[in-house]
Structure formats: C-alpha cells, structure tokens
Amino acid sequence: MKLTSLLCFLFLASFAMAQRPAQGPMSKKRFNPEKVGYKLIWEDQFKGKTLDTTKWAVRGIGPRAIAYVSEEAVKVEKGYLKLYALKKGDSLLGSAVGTQGKFMSKYGYYECRAKLQKSEGVWAAFWLQSPGISKGEDPAKFGAEIDVMEFFKKLGTDIVSHNVHWAYGPNQQSTKGMQSYRRGVSLGFHTFGLEWFPDKYIFYVDGYKYYEVTTGISNIEEYMILSMEYPSKKEEVLKTIFPDVFMVDYVKVYQKKEGY
C-alpha cells in the first residue's frame, strides 16, 4: 500500500466513530443545481458493459485494510456501476474506482445517485481527494479529503455520514463526522451531493441541505472516488453478508460559467 493510501485509510478509520449527533435537513426546499445557474460539465451514467476507462480507473489495486482491492469486484451491468465486497475462499475483495489522471476539478456541485450496501462492517463511500494532501497542512494549498457520503450501517439504517479531512500526517485534522438522518436512506436509490465553494462546503441528501462547513476548504483541483471500504479488523465484518454491493446509477458534476 502506498504511503498516501495508508495514511488515508488510518485517518478514515480513526475518525469513523467520531460522529456528531444525527440531524435532519436544514431546509425543506430541494436543491436543483440547474435552477441556480449550474451547467452539467461531466457525467457517467454507466451505460456500457465495462468501466469507461476514459473516465475512471480501478483505484489502488492491492492490499487495503483487511481486504484486497481487485478489478474482479468492479462490474458495470444494466446501467449501473457495481462495487462489490466479496469473499473468495479466505480472501476478502474490495473495490474502488477514481478519476485521478482523467478528470479533476474544483468548486461546483457533485452528485451521485446510488443504492447503499446492505451489511454492517463494510461501507459505501463517495468522496473527493487531493493528490497532494500529505505534502502540507494548509488545505487551501494541498487540498482535503471531502467525504460526500459514507454509509456506516452500524450507526443506523437511516443515517449517512459526511466528513472533511486534511493535513495527512502527524497533525491531521478533521471536521469530525456529520450525520444526516434521512428516513429510508438504506433502501432503494438516493442522491448524495456536495456543493463546493472557495469558502465553504454544503452537503446534500436527496437534494436536501444537511450541513454547511467552513473549515478544511480546498482551493485546488481534486478527483472523485467511489469505493466499497473495509475496516481494519476482521472482527468488524462478522455481520457482513457476502457478497454485498454499492450500486451507482450515475455521477454528475456541475459548474457555473461565471465562476466563483
């Protein structure tokens, strides 16, 4: 595992349970990016039979936590990207795809529509990452890990988490987990969105605004990641039912022509 990936995982794991109390939406009005001047600049609706390698690559093939990230656990079928958690003999297989080296951007509105995994232990994640996050402590210059959505089922079937991490290394920092209560979020498909400004982040579930954050703000281009994550201890996957899957319908990125 590369140093950056290792630091990323350790930091994710250390803050996985550092959650704020769950809360409902801040507004009853649903957000529509096009109605406030955003234009669609990038999307993938996973219409083919294989991963579109002009947009994504299987990310970090090799050991990660207690599993092994494998191309075998990544499928595109019937209009969906399927990121699996698999058990193959004594081996656990995980999955992740990312746009690093293919598409990077800063600011705008990022959204995926997805169906979350069914089990505890493993968790679905949609996040943005900086290629230089471990090179310095100022998020404006070196970027941040922006967790648009993570679903830790052990926190509750109606709760999704959001987070921001920066300054990978001895002085790592975090906003700590923000929990959004959305009834029925573990069932069927839902949308998970991030609005990223030069001075704040806004997190959305099903178009409803749940959190606004003004710390750990990245001002550099970042890439997107979709992943099925594993914990660091095998005891934590005793309740996991294999195979499990994080199913993504689409990913869309919007920006405003006039900028920010």
Protein backbone atom coordinates (compact mmCIF):
# COMPACT_ATOMS: atom_id res chain seq x y z
CA MET A 1 0.00 0.00 0.00
CA LYS A 2 1.34 3.43 -0.92
CA LEU A 3 2.09 5.79 1.98
CA THR A 4 -0.66 8.21 0.96
CA SER A 5 -3.22 5.40 0.77
CA LEU A 6 -2.11 4.04 4.12
CA LEU A 7 -2.36 7.43 5.80
CA CYS A 8 -5.74 7.97 4.19
CA PHE A 9 -7.08 4.68 5.49
CA LEU A 10 -5.68 5.11 9.00
CA PHE A 11 -7.14 8.57 9.24
CA LEU A 12 -10.51 7.36 7.94
CA ALA A 13 -10.54 4.54 10.46
CA SER A 14 -9.56 6.74 13.41
CA PHE A 15 -12.43 9.12 12.77
CA ALA A 16 -15.05 6.60 11.63
CA MET A 17 -16.75 6.69 15.02
CA ALA A 18 -16.03 10.36 15.85
CA GLN A 19 -19.52 11.32 14.79
CA ARG A 20 -21.70 14.29 15.58
CA PRO A 21 -25.33 13.61 16.62
CA ALA A 22 -27.61 12.89 13.67
CA GLN A 23 -29.75 15.75 12.42
CA GLY A 24 -32.50 16.37 9.90
CA PRO A 25 -32.25 18.73 6.92
CA MET A 26 -31.54 22.43 7.38
CA SER A 27 -34.06 23.35 4.70
CA LYS A 28 -37.35 21.92 3.43
CA LYS A 29 -36.58 23.13 -0.11
CA ARG A 30 -34.90 20.73 -2.51
CA PHE A 31 -31.78 21.91 -4.26
CA ASN A 32 -31.74 21.89 -8.06
CA PRO A 33 -28.31 22.84 -9.48
CA GLU A 34 -29.62 23.95 -12.88
CA LYS A 35 -32.13 26.35 -11.32
CA VAL A 36 -29.32 28.27 -9.62
CA GLY A 37 -27.11 28.59 -12.69
CA TYR A 38 -25.09 25.39 -12.72
CA LYS A 39 -24.28 23.64 -16.01
CA LEU A 40 -23.50 19.95 -16.36
CA ILE A 41 -19.82 19.59 -17.33
CA TRP A 42 -19.14 15.89 -16.69
CA GLU A 43 -21.18 12.74 -16.14
CA ASP A 44 -21.19 8.99 -16.31
CA GLN A 45 -24.43 7.00 -16.42
CA PHE A 46 -22.64 3.65 -16.77
CA LYS A 47 -24.48 2.64 -19.93
CA GLY A 48 -21.87 0.23 -21.27
CA LYS A 49 -20.86 -3.27 -20.24
CA THR A 50 -17.46 -2.29 -18.88
CA LEU A 51 -15.99 0.60 -16.92
CA ASP A 52 -15.35 3.63 -19.13
CA THR A 53 -11.57 3.92 -18.82
CA THR A 54 -11.58 7.42 -20.32
CA LYS A 55 -13.33 8.49 -17.12
CA TRP A 56 -12.36 6.02 -14.40
CA ALA A 57 -9.68 3.57 -13.36
CA VAL A 58 -9.88 0.83 -10.75
CA ARG A 59 -8.12 2.52 -7.88
CA GLY A 60 -5.41 1.15 -5.62
CA ILE A 61 -5.32 -2.49 -6.73
CA GLY A 62 -3.68 -4.39 -3.90
CA PRO A 63 -3.95 -4.68 -0.09
CA ARG A 64 -6.18 -2.14 1.66
CA ALA A 65 -7.25 -2.60 5.29
CA ILE A 66 -8.20 -6.28 5.74
CA ALA A 67 -9.11 -6.77 2.07
CA TYR A 68 -7.57 -6.66 -1.38
CA VAL A 69 -8.84 -4.16 -3.94
CA SER A 70 -9.48 -6.12 -7.12
CA GLU A 71 -10.81 -5.48 -10.61
CA GLU A 72 -12.86 -8.63 -10.07
CA ALA A 73 -15.04 -6.73 -7.59
CA VAL A 74 -15.87 -3.92 -10.07
CA LYS A 75 -18.70 -4.51 -12.57
CA VAL A 76 -20.76 -2.38 -14.96
CA GLU A 77 -24.10 -4.02 -15.71
CA LYS A 78 -27.54 -2.85 -16.88
CA GLY A 79 -26.75 0.83 -16.43
CA TYR A 80 -25.12 0.55 -13.01
CA LEU A 81 -21.63 0.58 -11.60
CA LYS A 82 -21.46 -2.21 -9.03
CA LEU A 83 -18.75 -2.04 -6.39
CA TYR A 84 -18.66 -5.32 -4.51
CA ALA A 85 -17.43 -6.65 -1.21
CA LEU A 86 -16.61 -10.28 -1.98
CA LYS A 87 -15.39 -13.29 -0.04
CA LYS A 88 -13.30 -15.68 -2.09
CA GLY A 89 -12.01 -18.57 -0.02
CA ASP A 90 -10.08 -16.97 2.83
CA SER A 91 -9.65 -13.71 0.90
CA LEU A 92 -11.77 -10.56 1.08
CA LEU A 93 -12.03 -8.45 -2.05
CA GLY A 94 -12.84 -4.75 -2.08
CA SER A 95 -13.46 -2.27 -4.87
CA ALA A 96 -12.77 1.34 -5.77
CA VAL A 97 -12.71 3.50 -8.87
CA GLY A 98 -11.38 7.02 -9.28
CA THR A 99 -10.96 9.78 -11.85
CA GLN A 100 -7.35 10.61 -10.95
CA GLY A 101 -5.39 11.43 -14.11
CA LYS A 102 -8.63 11.53 -16.12
CA PHE A 103 -10.84 14.25 -14.61
CA MET A 104 -10.07 16.76 -11.89
CA SER A 105 -11.90 19.95 -10.97
CA LYS A 106 -12.51 22.42 -8.18
CA TYR A 107 -15.72 24.04 -6.98
CA GLY A 108 -19.17 23.25 -8.26
CA TYR A 109 -21.81 20.66 -7.45
CA TYR A 110 -21.00 16.93 -7.34
CA GLU A 111 -23.72 14.30 -7.13
CA CYS A 112 -24.15 10.55 -7.33
CA ARG A 113 -27.35 8.53 -7.31
CA ALA A 114 -26.79 5.22 -5.61
CA LYS A 115 -28.13 2.28 -3.64
CA LEU A 116 -26.14 1.58 -0.49
CA GLN A 117 -24.77 -1.71 0.78
CA LYS A 118 -26.97 -3.92 2.99
CA SER A 119 -24.45 -5.07 5.60
CA GLU A 120 -22.59 -3.76 8.59
CA GLY A 121 -18.80 -3.90 8.57
CA VAL A 122 -18.15 -2.76 5.01
CA TRP A 123 -19.26 0.68 3.87
CA ALA A 124 -20.05 2.58 0.67
CA ALA A 125 -18.29 5.88 0.04
CA PHE A 126 -18.38 8.77 -2.46
CA TRP A 127 -15.52 11.20 -1.95
CA LEU A 128 -13.14 13.74 -3.44
CA GLN A 129 -9.39 13.54 -2.92
CA SER A 130 -6.33 15.73 -3.46
CA PRO A 131 -3.18 14.20 -4.99
CA GLY A 132 -1.04 16.36 -2.66
CA ILE A 133 -2.91 16.04 0.62
CA SER A 134 0.08 14.58 2.51
CA LYS A 135 2.52 17.26 1.29
CA GLY A 136 1.43 20.06 3.61
CA GLU A 137 -1.05 21.16 6.24
CA ASP A 138 -2.85 24.06 4.55
CA PRO A 139 -5.96 22.61 2.85
CA ALA A 140 -6.25 25.63 0.57
CA LYS A 141 -2.87 24.76 -0.96
CA PHE A 142 -2.64 21.00 -0.51
CA GLY A 143 -6.29 20.01 -0.66
CA ALA A 144 -8.60 17.93 1.50
CA GLU A 145 -10.37 14.62 1.55
CA ILE A 146 -14.04 15.51 1.15
CA ASP A 147 -16.33 12.63 2.10
CA VAL A 148 -19.55 13.46 0.31
CA MET A 149 -21.16 10.31 1.68
CA GLU A 150 -20.23 7.28 3.75
CA PHE A 151 -22.73 4.72 4.98
CA PHE A 152 -21.76 3.04 8.24
CA LYS A 153 -24.82 0.86 8.80
CA LYS A 154 -23.87 0.24 12.43
CA LEU A 155 -24.64 3.92 13.10
CA GLY A 156 -28.23 3.37 11.98
CA THR A 157 -30.18 2.34 8.91
CA ASP A 158 -31.42 5.91 8.31
CA ILE A 159 -28.10 7.74 8.75
CA VAL A 160 -25.38 8.70 6.27
CA SER A 161 -22.16 10.44 7.24
CA HIS A 162 -20.10 13.26 5.75
CA ASN A 163 -16.64 14.43 6.71
CA VAL A 164 -13.63 16.52 5.70
CA HIS A 165 -10.03 15.52 6.49
CA TRP A 166 -6.84 17.41 5.72
CA ALA A 167 -3.13 17.66 6.62
CA TYR A 168 -2.41 13.91 6.39
CA GLY A 169 0.46 13.24 8.78
CA PRO A 170 1.18 13.86 12.48
CA ASN A 171 -1.09 16.94 12.58
CA GLN A 172 -4.05 15.51 10.69
CA GLN A 173 -7.30 17.35 11.17
CA SER A 174 -10.99 16.68 10.59
CA THR A 175 -14.38 18.31 10.84
CA LYS A 176 -15.47 15.04 12.52
CA GLY A 177 -18.35 13.02 11.15
CA MET A 178 -21.54 14.86 10.30
CA GLN A 179 -24.54 12.54 10.44
CA SER A 180 -27.61 13.14 8.30
CA TYR A 181 -30.89 11.48 9.24
CA ARG A 182 -32.85 10.52 6.13
CA ARG A 183 -35.64 8.03 6.69
CA GLY A 184 -35.32 5.05 4.36
CA VAL A 185 -31.89 6.02 3.03
CA SER A 186 -30.69 2.41 3.29
CA LEU A 187 -33.47 1.29 0.94
CA GLY A 188 -33.61 1.94 -2.79
CA PHE A 189 -31.76 4.70 -4.63
CA HIS A 190 -30.91 8.13 -3.21
CA THR A 191 -28.80 11.09 -4.26
CA PHE A 192 -25.77 12.36 -2.36
CA GLY A 193 -24.37 15.77 -3.23
CA LEU A 194 -21.67 18.27 -2.40
CA GLU A 195 -21.66 21.97 -3.27
CA TRP A 196 -18.08 23.22 -3.07
CA PHE A 197 -17.26 26.94 -2.88
CA PRO A 198 -13.94 28.74 -2.27
CA ASP A 199 -15.01 29.31 1.34
CA LYS A 200 -17.43 26.52 2.27
CA TYR A 201 -18.90 23.08 1.59
CA ILE A 202 -22.60 22.18 1.62
CA PHE A 203 -23.69 18.54 1.94
CA TYR A 204 -26.97 17.25 0.50
CA VAL A 205 -29.02 14.06 0.70
CA ASP A 206 -31.86 13.66 -1.81
CA GLY A 207 -31.48 17.34 -2.64
CA TYR A 208 -31.98 18.50 0.94
CA LYS A 209 -29.30 20.59 2.61
CA TYR A 210 -27.99 18.97 5.80
CA TYR A 211 -24.68 20.63 6.67
CA GLU A 212 -22.63 23.70 5.82
CA VAL A 213 -18.91 23.65 6.67
CA THR A 214 -16.35 26.47 6.54
CA THR A 215 -13.20 24.64 7.72
CA GLY A 216 -10.77 22.45 5.77
CA ILE A 217 -11.60 24.20 2.50
CA SER A 218 -9.61 23.04 -0.51
CA ASN A 219 -8.85 25.56 -3.25
CA ILE A 220 -7.17 23.14 -5.65
CA GLU A 221 -8.43 20.65 -8.22
CA GLU A 222 -9.35 17.20 -6.91
CA TYR A 223 -10.54 13.88 -8.29
CA MET A 224 -13.57 11.73 -7.43
CA ILE A 225 -13.63 8.27 -5.87
CA LEU A 226 -16.39 5.69 -5.42
CA SER A 227 -15.48 2.80 -3.16
CA MET A 228 -16.58 -0.12 -1.03
CA GLU A 229 -14.45 0.14 2.09
CA TYR A 230 -13.37 -2.38 4.73
CA PRO A 231 -12.44 -1.86 8.41
CA SER A 232 -9.03 -2.64 9.89
CA LYS A 233 -10.11 -5.66 11.97
CA LYS A 234 -11.68 -8.91 10.76
CA GLU A 235 -13.90 -8.97 13.85
CA GLU A 236 -15.75 -6.00 12.41
CA VAL A 237 -17.00 -7.94 9.36
CA LEU A 238 -18.56 -10.82 11.31
CA LYS A 239 -22.01 -9.40 10.48
CA THR A 240 -21.20 -8.72 6.84
CA ILE A 241 -23.21 -10.78 4.38
CA PHE A 242 -21.14 -11.56 1.28
CA PRO A 243 -21.44 -10.69 -1.49
CA ASP A 244 -22.56 -7.13 -0.79
CA VAL A 245 -22.69 -4.29 -3.29
CA PHE A 246 -22.69 -0.49 -3.58
CA MET A 247 -24.67 0.23 -6.75
CA VAL A 248 -24.23 3.58 -8.54
CA ASP A 249 -26.71 4.84 -11.13
CA TYR A 250 -24.85 7.99 -12.15
CA VAL A 251 -22.25 10.58 -11.19
CA LYS A 252 -22.63 14.19 -12.33
CA VAL A 253 -20.51 17.33 -11.96
CA TYR A 254 -21.87 20.85 -12.43
CA GLN A 255 -20.13 24.21 -12.53
CA LYS A 256 -21.12 27.83 -13.08
CA LYS A 257 -19.81 29.60 -16.18
CA GLU A 258 -19.27 32.86 -14.34
CA GLY A 259 -17.08 31.10 -11.80
CA TYR A 260 -16.89 31.78 -8.06
